[in-house]
Amino acid sequence: MEKIEHTVVTTNGIKMHVASVGSGPVILFLHGFPELWYSWRHQLLSLSSLGYRCVAPDLRGFGDTDAPPSATSYTVFHIVEDLVGLLDALGVDQVFLVGHDWGAVIAWYFSQFKPDRVKALVNMSVAYPPRHPTEKPVEQLRALFGDDYYVCRFQEPGEIEEDIAQMDTAKVMKIFLTSRNPRPPCIPKETGLRGFPDPPALPSWLSEEDINYYASKFNQKGFTGGLNYYRALNLSWELMAPWTGLQIKVPVKFIVGDQDITYIPGVREYIHEGGFKKHVPFLQEVVVMEEVAHFLNQEKPEEISMHIYDFIKKF
């Protein structure tokens, strides 16, 4: 880990913390919620040893990157522009893009807005969500899963933060990172996250040291920046109107665990029965990892590194 360099880059009006290692063609890694550059620690080391320059920022709102207070500063346009500015600051024209969770969502939009800057994309967990022409995403999710669905519970500024403030941050991280319940995640309003049982012993792929690293950064920064991605969902949807129906035309490999909370009925059919390919015509591979849950890049680090390498080495 001491090989990894840490720098701060000014981009799109914010200061962004960037972890990087290696030399060669650039791979840009985009993390999810509630995460940090650190979620890619294994891939940074293994892929840099295979001849790549691996770059993993803390995205806007997370870790040691600036976190503007207003949710309106977290549309997909803001996040993509942060990354375009990062590449410009690094003097990098084209990258291999790798995303997971919210990072995958941002990677889809980056590839849609700036396909000329993406050699190929490896995305995990979140299949491309085509824009519904008339229904806002939060309302769609509420209709499907109810008011307690986590995305709906994250909408009210300050509410979930108040809940989290009454808990030990390390426990919050354990709840998120170790969950293996494949049902749509709900946070009952009455009991909140506080009502969740203590997570079982940590799995072999996650150490107390890892949990403490995440917890220390979220203690420092708070969760509002990350939650603002969810709070900007409807605004992003409104602003995306001109892109309705636009395909994503970069080469893609998609990886998901069969225990992932995102891999639910409806989505499975979309992925495997042609819907996904219709929106992402250069989708070349779909990998479903057995007995693997949401945080697959940490749960199965070697396999994920090899899946990335096997795909990007073709280009």
Protein backbone atom coordinates (compact mmCIF):
# COMPACT_ATOMS: atom_id res chain seq x y z
CA MET A 1 0.00 0.00 0.00
CA GLU A 2 2.94 2.35 0.59
CA LYS A 3 3.55 2.31 -3.20
CA ILE A 4 0.29 4.21 -3.72
CA GLU A 5 0.78 7.96 -4.22
CA HIS A 6 -1.73 10.50 -2.92
CA THR A 7 -2.19 13.84 -4.63
CA VAL A 8 -4.76 16.63 -4.76
CA VAL A 9 -6.00 17.89 -8.14
CA THR A 10 -8.09 21.01 -8.69
CA THR A 11 -10.94 20.25 -11.08
CA ASN A 12 -14.34 21.78 -11.86
CA GLY A 13 -14.11 24.14 -8.88
CA ILE A 14 -13.26 21.50 -6.26
CA LYS A 15 -10.13 19.90 -4.84
CA MET A 16 -10.09 16.17 -5.52
CA HIS A 17 -7.98 13.61 -3.69
CA VAL A 18 -6.49 11.01 -6.03
CA ALA A 19 -4.71 7.74 -5.26
CA SER A 20 -2.51 6.41 -8.07
CA VAL A 21 0.19 3.87 -8.75
CA GLY A 22 2.09 2.45 -11.72
CA SER A 23 2.84 3.57 -15.26
CA GLY A 24 1.39 2.71 -18.64
CA PRO A 25 -2.11 3.03 -20.08
CA VAL A 26 -4.44 4.64 -17.53
CA ILE A 27 -7.26 2.84 -15.73
CA LEU A 28 -9.65 5.18 -13.93
CA PHE A 29 -11.53 3.52 -11.03
CA LEU A 30 -14.81 4.98 -9.73
CA HIS A 31 -16.07 3.89 -6.30
CA GLY A 32 -19.61 3.73 -4.90
CA PHE A 33 -21.50 4.51 -1.68
CA PRO A 34 -20.53 4.50 1.15
CA GLU A 35 -17.00 4.05 -0.11
CA LEU A 36 -13.70 5.70 -1.04
CA TRP A 37 -10.76 5.24 -3.41
CA TYR A 38 -9.76 2.56 -0.86
CA SER A 39 -12.35 0.12 -2.23
CA TRP A 40 -10.02 -0.35 -5.24
CA ARG A 41 -6.87 -0.94 -3.14
CA HIS A 42 -6.44 -4.53 -4.41
CA GLN A 43 -7.01 -3.66 -8.07
CA LEU A 44 -4.63 -0.67 -7.89
CA LEU A 45 -1.80 -2.94 -6.78
CA SER A 46 -2.51 -5.93 -9.01
CA LEU A 47 -3.21 -4.01 -12.23
CA SER A 48 -0.32 -1.58 -11.76
CA SER A 49 1.95 -4.66 -11.53
CA LEU A 50 0.61 -5.72 -14.96
CA GLY A 51 1.74 -2.50 -16.65
CA TYR A 52 -1.06 0.02 -16.07
CA ARG A 53 -1.25 3.40 -14.40
CA CYS A 54 -4.10 2.99 -11.92
CA VAL A 55 -5.94 6.11 -10.76
CA ALA A 56 -8.68 6.07 -8.11
CA PRO A 57 -10.12 9.37 -6.87
CA ASP A 58 -12.32 9.99 -3.89
CA LEU A 59 -15.38 11.21 -5.80
CA ARG A 60 -17.01 14.58 -5.02
CA GLY A 61 -18.44 14.46 -1.50
CA PHE A 62 -16.27 11.58 -0.27
CA GLY A 63 -13.08 11.15 1.74
CA ASP A 64 -10.43 13.80 1.16
CA THR A 65 -12.22 15.39 -1.81
CA ASP A 66 -14.30 18.55 -1.34
CA ALA A 67 -17.99 18.11 -0.51
CA PRO A 68 -20.14 21.07 -1.61
CA PRO A 69 -23.12 21.27 0.80
CA SER A 70 -26.04 21.48 -1.65
CA ALA A 71 -27.52 18.36 -3.29
CA THR A 72 -27.94 20.39 -6.49
CA SER A 73 -24.13 20.21 -6.85
CA TYR A 74 -24.23 16.42 -7.26
CA THR A 75 -25.91 15.81 -10.62
CA VAL A 76 -24.27 13.32 -12.96
CA PHE A 77 -23.06 16.32 -14.97
CA HIS A 78 -21.11 17.68 -11.99
CA ILE A 79 -19.48 14.33 -11.28
CA VAL A 80 -18.60 13.64 -14.94
CA GLU A 81 -17.13 17.15 -15.30
CA ASP A 82 -15.01 16.54 -12.18
CA LEU A 83 -13.56 13.48 -13.90
CA VAL A 84 -13.03 15.17 -17.26
CA GLY A 85 -11.14 17.91 -15.40
CA LEU A 86 -9.13 15.27 -13.56
CA LEU A 87 -8.06 13.63 -16.83
CA ASP A 88 -7.18 17.03 -18.30
CA ALA A 89 -5.12 17.89 -15.19
CA LEU A 90 -3.28 14.55 -15.49
CA GLY A 91 -2.71 15.14 -19.22
CA VAL A 92 -4.56 11.94 -20.08
CA ASP A 93 -6.59 11.76 -23.28
CA GLN A 94 -8.19 8.29 -23.04
CA VAL A 95 -8.74 5.82 -20.22
CA PHE A 96 -9.98 2.38 -19.42
CA LEU A 97 -12.92 3.08 -17.13
CA VAL A 98 -13.89 0.81 -14.22
CA GLY A 99 -16.94 1.53 -12.06
CA HIS A 100 -18.90 -0.04 -9.21
CA ASP A 101 -22.22 0.97 -7.60
CA TRP A 102 -22.57 4.79 -7.91
CA GLY A 103 -19.22 4.73 -9.69
CA ALA A 104 -20.82 2.46 -12.28
CA VAL A 105 -23.71 4.90 -12.74
CA ILE A 106 -21.22 7.73 -13.26
CA ALA A 107 -19.18 5.54 -15.64
CA TRP A 108 -22.28 4.93 -17.80
CA TYR A 109 -22.90 8.66 -18.08
CA PHE A 110 -19.22 9.46 -18.63
CA SER A 111 -19.28 6.97 -21.53
CA GLN A 112 -22.47 8.51 -22.88
CA PHE A 113 -21.23 12.13 -22.70
CA LYS A 114 -17.54 11.57 -23.52
CA PRO A 115 -17.18 8.32 -25.50
CA ASP A 116 -14.05 9.67 -27.20
CA ARG A 117 -12.23 9.54 -23.84
CA VAL A 118 -13.08 5.90 -23.02
CA LYS A 119 -11.13 3.02 -24.59
CA ALA A 120 -13.31 0.43 -22.87
CA LEU A 121 -15.50 0.13 -19.78
CA VAL A 122 -15.70 -2.58 -17.12
CA ASN A 123 -18.76 -1.89 -14.97
CA MET A 124 -19.98 -3.72 -11.89
CA SER A 125 -23.29 -4.20 -10.06
CA VAL A 126 -25.41 -1.48 -11.69
CA ALA A 127 -26.59 -2.19 -15.23
CA TYR A 128 -27.21 0.87 -17.40
CA PRO A 129 -30.53 2.41 -16.27
CA PRO A 130 -32.26 3.83 -19.40
CA ARG A 131 -34.05 7.11 -18.76
CA HIS A 132 -37.82 6.80 -18.39
CA PRO A 133 -39.37 9.55 -20.52
CA THR A 134 -42.03 10.57 -17.97
CA GLU A 135 -41.40 9.01 -14.55
CA LYS A 136 -38.82 10.38 -12.12
CA PRO A 137 -36.48 7.73 -10.73
CA VAL A 138 -37.25 8.27 -7.02
CA GLU A 139 -40.98 7.97 -7.70
CA GLN A 140 -40.39 4.83 -9.78
CA LEU A 141 -38.44 3.26 -6.90
CA ARG A 142 -41.03 4.33 -4.33
CA ALA A 143 -43.79 2.71 -6.39
CA LEU A 144 -41.78 -0.51 -6.69
CA PHE A 145 -40.35 -0.85 -3.16
CA GLY A 146 -42.24 1.53 -0.85
CA ASP A 147 -41.36 4.54 1.29
CA ASP A 148 -38.84 2.61 3.44
CA TYR A 149 -36.67 1.70 0.44
CA TYR A 150 -33.21 3.08 1.19
CA VAL A 151 -33.12 5.49 -1.81
CA CYS A 152 -36.43 7.02 -0.66
CA ARG A 153 -35.24 7.22 2.95
CA PHE A 154 -32.09 9.04 1.81
CA GLN A 155 -34.08 11.88 0.17
CA GLU A 156 -34.86 14.14 3.14
CA PRO A 157 -31.77 16.26 3.93
CA GLY A 158 -30.45 15.65 7.43
CA GLU A 159 -32.83 12.82 8.33
CA ILE A 160 -30.61 9.78 7.76
CA GLU A 161 -27.57 11.79 8.93
CA GLU A 162 -29.30 12.28 12.30
CA ASP A 163 -29.88 8.54 12.51
CA ILE A 164 -26.23 7.79 11.68
CA ALA A 165 -24.98 10.40 14.17
CA GLN A 166 -26.41 8.30 17.00
CA MET A 167 -24.39 5.28 15.92
CA ASP A 168 -20.78 4.20 15.88
CA THR A 169 -19.53 4.88 12.34
CA ALA A 170 -17.65 1.57 12.30
CA LYS A 171 -20.95 -0.25 12.89
CA VAL A 172 -22.57 1.75 10.05
CA MET A 173 -19.76 0.68 7.71
CA LYS A 174 -20.09 -2.95 8.79
CA ILE A 175 -23.87 -2.89 8.16
CA PHE A 176 -23.35 -1.60 4.63
CA LEU A 177 -20.27 -3.58 3.62
CA THR A 178 -21.12 -6.99 5.07
CA SER A 179 -24.82 -7.25 4.18
CA ARG A 180 -25.68 -10.38 2.23
CA ASN A 181 -29.44 -9.95 2.23
CA PRO A 182 -30.39 -9.99 -1.46
CA ARG A 183 -33.80 -8.38 -0.81
CA PRO A 184 -34.26 -4.69 -1.69
CA PRO A 185 -32.70 -2.82 1.26
CA CYS A 186 -35.19 -0.97 3.43
CA ILE A 187 -34.62 1.28 6.45
CA PRO A 188 -37.80 1.41 8.59
CA LYS A 189 -38.60 5.01 9.54
CA GLU A 190 -39.43 4.10 13.17
CA THR A 191 -36.18 2.30 13.97
CA GLY A 192 -33.80 3.59 11.28
CA LEU A 193 -30.33 2.13 10.84
CA ARG A 194 -30.06 2.11 14.65
CA GLY A 195 -32.55 -0.77 14.69
CA PHE A 196 -30.29 -3.00 12.58
CA PRO A 197 -28.71 -5.87 14.55
CA ASP A 198 -24.99 -5.87 15.15
CA PRO A 199 -23.35 -7.33 12.05
CA PRO A 200 -21.82 -10.81 12.44
CA ALA A 201 -18.06 -11.35 12.52
CA LEU A 202 -16.26 -9.69 9.63
CA PRO A 203 -15.82 -11.84 6.50
CA SER A 204 -12.28 -12.92 5.61
CA TRP A 205 -12.02 -10.24 2.90
CA LEU A 206 -12.63 -7.33 5.26
CA SER A 207 -10.44 -6.47 8.26
CA GLU A 208 -11.00 -4.21 11.27
CA GLU A 209 -8.24 -2.06 9.79
CA ASP A 210 -10.28 -1.66 6.58
CA ILE A 211 -13.43 -0.75 8.54
CA ASN A 212 -11.48 1.74 10.63
CA TYR A 213 -10.05 3.41 7.52
CA TYR A 214 -13.55 3.96 6.10
CA ALA A 215 -14.93 5.01 9.48
CA SER A 216 -12.15 7.55 10.07
CA LYS A 217 -12.82 9.22 6.71
CA PHE A 218 -16.61 9.27 7.16
CA ASN A 219 -16.19 10.59 10.72
CA GLN A 220 -14.14 13.40 9.25
CA LYS A 221 -16.34 14.16 6.22
CA GLY A 222 -19.80 12.96 7.24
CA PHE A 223 -22.21 11.12 4.95
CA THR A 224 -24.04 14.08 3.38
CA GLY A 225 -21.81 14.27 0.29
CA GLY A 226 -22.48 10.63 -0.57
CA LEU A 227 -26.20 10.93 0.23
CA ASN A 228 -26.44 13.94 -2.08
CA TYR A 229 -25.96 11.64 -5.09
CA TYR A 230 -29.34 10.08 -4.21
CA ARG A 231 -30.88 13.50 -3.51
CA ALA A 232 -29.84 14.71 -6.98
CA LEU A 233 -31.34 11.68 -8.79
CA ASN A 234 -34.51 13.48 -9.89
CA LEU A 235 -32.62 16.62 -10.87
CA SER A 236 -30.21 14.56 -13.00
CA TRP A 237 -33.21 12.87 -14.60
CA GLU A 238 -34.72 16.25 -15.53
CA LEU A 239 -31.44 17.54 -16.98
CA MET A 240 -30.91 14.30 -18.92
CA ALA A 241 -34.06 14.79 -21.05
CA PRO A 242 -32.10 15.59 -24.26
CA TRP A 243 -30.19 12.29 -23.93
CA THR A 244 -33.32 10.09 -23.67
CA GLY A 245 -32.81 6.97 -25.77
CA LEU A 246 -29.15 7.69 -26.58
CA GLN A 247 -27.09 4.50 -26.68
CA ILE A 248 -23.76 3.98 -24.93
CA LYS A 249 -21.24 3.21 -27.64
CA VAL A 250 -18.05 2.07 -25.94
CA PRO A 251 -16.90 -1.56 -25.53
CA VAL A 252 -18.32 -2.92 -22.25
CA LYS A 253 -17.86 -5.85 -19.89
CA PHE A 254 -20.40 -6.09 -17.08
CA ILE A 255 -19.90 -8.04 -13.84
CA VAL A 256 -22.42 -8.72 -11.06
CA GLY A 257 -22.66 -11.13 -8.13
CA ASP A 258 -25.70 -13.39 -8.00
CA GLN A 259 -26.25 -12.29 -4.36
CA ASP A 260 -26.05 -8.58 -5.23
CA ILE A 261 -28.95 -6.38 -4.06
CA THR A 262 -29.01 -4.96 -7.60
CA TYR A 263 -29.46 -8.35 -9.27
CA ILE A 264 -33.20 -8.70 -8.77
CA PRO A 265 -36.07 -10.06 -10.87
CA GLY A 266 -36.73 -7.62 -13.68
CA VAL A 267 -33.11 -6.50 -13.78
CA ARG A 268 -31.94 -10.06 -14.48
CA GLU A 269 -34.26 -10.32 -17.46
CA TYR A 270 -33.15 -6.87 -18.68
CA ILE A 271 -29.49 -7.97 -18.49
CA HIS A 272 -29.87 -11.39 -20.10
CA GLU A 273 -32.79 -11.08 -22.53
CA GLY A 274 -31.66 -8.27 -24.81
CA GLY A 275 -32.84 -5.07 -23.10
CA PHE A 276 -29.39 -4.16 -21.79
CA LYS A 277 -27.71 -4.88 -25.15
CA LYS A 278 -30.24 -2.63 -26.89
CA HIS A 279 -29.03 0.37 -24.88
CA VAL A 280 -25.38 -0.73 -24.74
CA PRO A 281 -24.82 -2.22 -28.21
CA PHE A 282 -21.08 -2.86 -27.71
CA LEU A 283 -21.70 -4.96 -24.59
CA GLN A 284 -19.24 -7.81 -25.15
CA GLU A 285 -19.33 -9.84 -21.93
CA VAL A 286 -21.65 -10.35 -18.97
CA VAL A 287 -20.23 -12.20 -15.95
CA VAL A 288 -22.43 -13.38 -13.08
CA MET A 289 -20.27 -14.43 -10.12
CA GLU A 290 -21.79 -17.19 -8.00
CA GLU A 291 -22.29 -16.69 -4.24
CA VAL A 292 -20.89 -13.15 -4.47
CA ALA A 293 -22.67 -10.12 -3.02
CA HIS A 294 -22.58 -6.37 -3.75
CA PHE A 295 -19.00 -5.37 -2.83
CA LEU A 296 -17.52 -7.84 -5.30
CA ASN A 297 -14.30 -5.87 -5.98
CA GLN A 298 -13.37 -6.33 -2.31
CA GLU A 299 -14.94 -9.77 -1.76
CA LYS A 300 -13.23 -11.34 -4.79
CA PRO A 301 -10.28 -9.02 -5.48
CA GLU A 302 -8.08 -11.35 -7.54
CA GLU A 303 -10.93 -12.54 -9.74
CA ILE A 304 -12.12 -8.98 -10.36
CA SER A 305 -8.60 -7.83 -11.23
CA MET A 306 -8.30 -10.69 -13.72
CA HIS A 307 -11.72 -9.97 -15.21
CA ILE A 308 -10.65 -6.36 -15.78
CA TYR A 309 -7.25 -7.34 -17.20
CA ASP A 310 -8.62 -10.02 -19.53
CA PHE A 311 -10.96 -7.47 -21.08
CA ILE A 312 -8.82 -4.33 -21.33
CA LYS A 313 -5.72 -6.12 -22.66
CA LYS A 314 -7.63 -6.62 -25.96
CA PHE A 315 -7.63 -2.89 -26.70
